[in-house]
């Protein structure tokens, strides 16, 4: 599937704090911990616990969330399909959308029981 301008705007304007508990709930149902979830987010974005909580408290949109992030240099290694979109085929003009899908891919892998050393890509 191709990303449209409308789809990009819809996703990047979503409030991270409204999605965060859904991610956490899914992970905990699959036997993963909040600490593991935060480790994955910190690897991808550089956000420590305090920064993450601050973004949640201020109800940051995905746009703000990813604009403030320091995306890990190995994030390009996150590939695959999420919600029908092949991450590596998302156009550069939709970089924020691509980052959202990359984060979702990491969360999917964590929920499916993948080992942390595989999730946190190394070159």
Protein backbone atom coordinates (compact mmCIF):
# COMPACT_ATOMS: atom_id res chain seq x y z
CA UNK A 1 0.00 0.00 0.00
CA UNK A 2 1.06 3.55 -0.60
CA UNK A 3 0.92 6.25 2.05
CA UNK A 4 -1.33 9.18 1.18
CA UNK A 5 -1.03 12.73 2.45
CA UNK A 6 -4.33 12.24 4.31
CA UNK A 7 -3.17 9.03 5.99
CA UNK A 8 0.14 10.64 6.93
CA UNK A 9 -1.63 13.63 8.51
CA UNK A 10 -4.06 11.42 10.40
CA UNK A 11 -1.29 9.31 11.94
CA UNK A 12 1.17 12.11 12.69
CA UNK A 13 -1.57 14.12 14.42
CA UNK A 14 -2.52 11.24 16.74
CA UNK A 15 -1.69 11.78 20.42
CA UNK A 16 1.06 9.41 21.58
CA UNK A 17 -0.38 9.32 25.12
CA UNK A 18 -3.65 7.87 23.79
CA UNK A 19 -1.86 5.00 22.00
CA UNK A 20 0.80 4.30 24.64
CA UNK A 21 -1.50 2.36 27.03
CA UNK A 22 -2.74 0.22 24.13
CA UNK A 23 0.84 -0.74 23.25
CA UNK A 24 1.67 -1.43 26.90
CA UNK A 25 -1.46 -3.51 27.45
CA UNK A 26 -0.72 -5.62 24.38
CA UNK A 27 2.85 -6.24 25.51
CA UNK A 28 1.87 -7.13 29.07
CA UNK A 29 -0.77 -9.59 27.78
CA UNK A 30 2.08 -11.26 25.88
CA UNK A 31 4.31 -11.51 28.96
CA UNK A 32 6.54 -8.53 28.23
CA UNK A 33 7.26 -5.73 30.66
CA UNK A 34 6.96 -1.96 30.72
CA UNK A 35 10.75 -1.83 31.18
CA UNK A 36 11.27 -3.81 27.96
CA UNK A 37 8.81 -1.53 26.15
CA UNK A 38 10.68 1.55 27.36
CA UNK A 39 14.01 -0.02 26.39
CA UNK A 40 12.75 -0.43 22.82
CA UNK A 41 11.42 3.14 22.70
CA UNK A 42 14.67 4.50 24.14
CA UNK A 43 16.72 2.56 21.57
CA UNK A 44 14.66 3.96 18.69
CA UNK A 45 14.13 7.54 19.91
CA UNK A 46 16.77 8.25 22.55
CA UNK A 47 14.02 9.17 25.06
CA UNK A 48 14.81 8.23 28.64
CA UNK A 49 12.06 7.48 31.17
CA UNK A 50 11.65 11.13 32.25
CA UNK A 51 11.50 12.48 28.69
CA UNK A 52 9.01 9.82 27.65
CA UNK A 53 6.78 10.64 30.63
CA UNK A 54 7.02 14.34 29.83
CA UNK A 55 5.85 13.70 26.24
CA UNK A 56 2.97 11.59 27.56
CA UNK A 57 1.99 14.28 30.09
CA UNK A 58 2.03 17.05 27.48
CA UNK A 59 -0.07 14.88 25.13
CA UNK A 60 2.46 15.19 22.31
CA UNK A 61 1.37 14.18 18.83
CA UNK A 62 3.38 11.60 16.92
CA UNK A 63 4.69 14.54 14.88
CA UNK A 64 6.12 16.23 17.99
CA UNK A 65 7.23 12.89 19.43
CA UNK A 66 9.33 11.99 16.39
CA UNK A 67 10.54 15.54 15.72
CA UNK A 68 12.07 15.58 19.21
CA UNK A 69 13.51 12.08 18.84
CA UNK A 70 17.12 11.25 18.04
CA UNK A 71 16.40 8.27 15.80
CA UNK A 72 18.90 5.44 16.23
CA UNK A 73 21.36 5.20 13.31
CA UNK A 74 20.40 1.53 12.81
CA UNK A 75 16.68 2.28 12.51
CA UNK A 76 17.02 1.82 8.73
CA UNK A 77 17.46 -1.90 9.50
CA UNK A 78 13.84 -2.17 10.67
CA UNK A 79 12.06 -3.75 7.74
CA UNK A 80 8.89 -5.65 7.08
CA UNK A 81 5.16 -5.11 6.84
CA UNK A 82 3.09 -3.27 9.46
CA UNK A 83 -0.62 -2.58 8.92
CA UNK A 84 -0.23 -3.45 5.24
CA UNK A 85 2.65 -1.02 4.65
CA UNK A 86 6.14 -2.29 3.79
CA UNK A 87 8.34 0.00 5.89
CA UNK A 88 11.25 0.13 3.48
CA UNK A 89 8.92 1.22 0.64
CA UNK A 90 7.41 4.22 2.46
CA UNK A 91 8.50 7.34 0.58
CA UNK A 92 10.97 9.75 2.20
CA UNK A 93 8.38 12.55 2.11
CA UNK A 94 6.47 10.56 4.76
CA UNK A 95 9.43 10.14 7.15
CA UNK A 96 7.32 10.67 10.30
CA UNK A 97 4.88 8.04 9.12
CA UNK A 98 7.80 5.68 8.48
CA UNK A 99 9.09 6.27 12.02
CA UNK A 100 5.64 5.44 13.44
CA UNK A 101 5.60 2.19 11.51
CA UNK A 102 9.14 1.37 12.59
CA UNK A 103 8.16 1.78 16.22
CA UNK A 104 5.10 -0.41 15.69
CA UNK A 105 7.28 -3.08 14.07
CA UNK A 106 9.57 -3.12 17.11
CA UNK A 107 6.55 -3.38 19.42
CA UNK A 108 5.16 -6.24 17.28
CA UNK A 109 8.45 -8.09 17.53
CA UNK A 110 8.55 -7.58 21.29
CA UNK A 111 4.96 -8.81 21.66
CA UNK A 112 5.73 -11.89 19.58
CA UNK A 113 8.55 -12.87 21.93
CA UNK A 114 11.54 -11.95 19.79
CA UNK A 115 14.77 -11.64 21.75
CA UNK A 116 15.77 -8.10 22.71
CA UNK A 117 19.20 -8.41 21.06
CA UNK A 118 17.44 -9.11 17.73
CA UNK A 119 14.93 -6.27 18.18
CA UNK A 120 17.65 -3.71 18.93
CA UNK A 121 19.40 -3.98 15.59
CA UNK A 122 23.16 -3.93 15.39
CA UNK A 123 25.08 -3.23 12.19
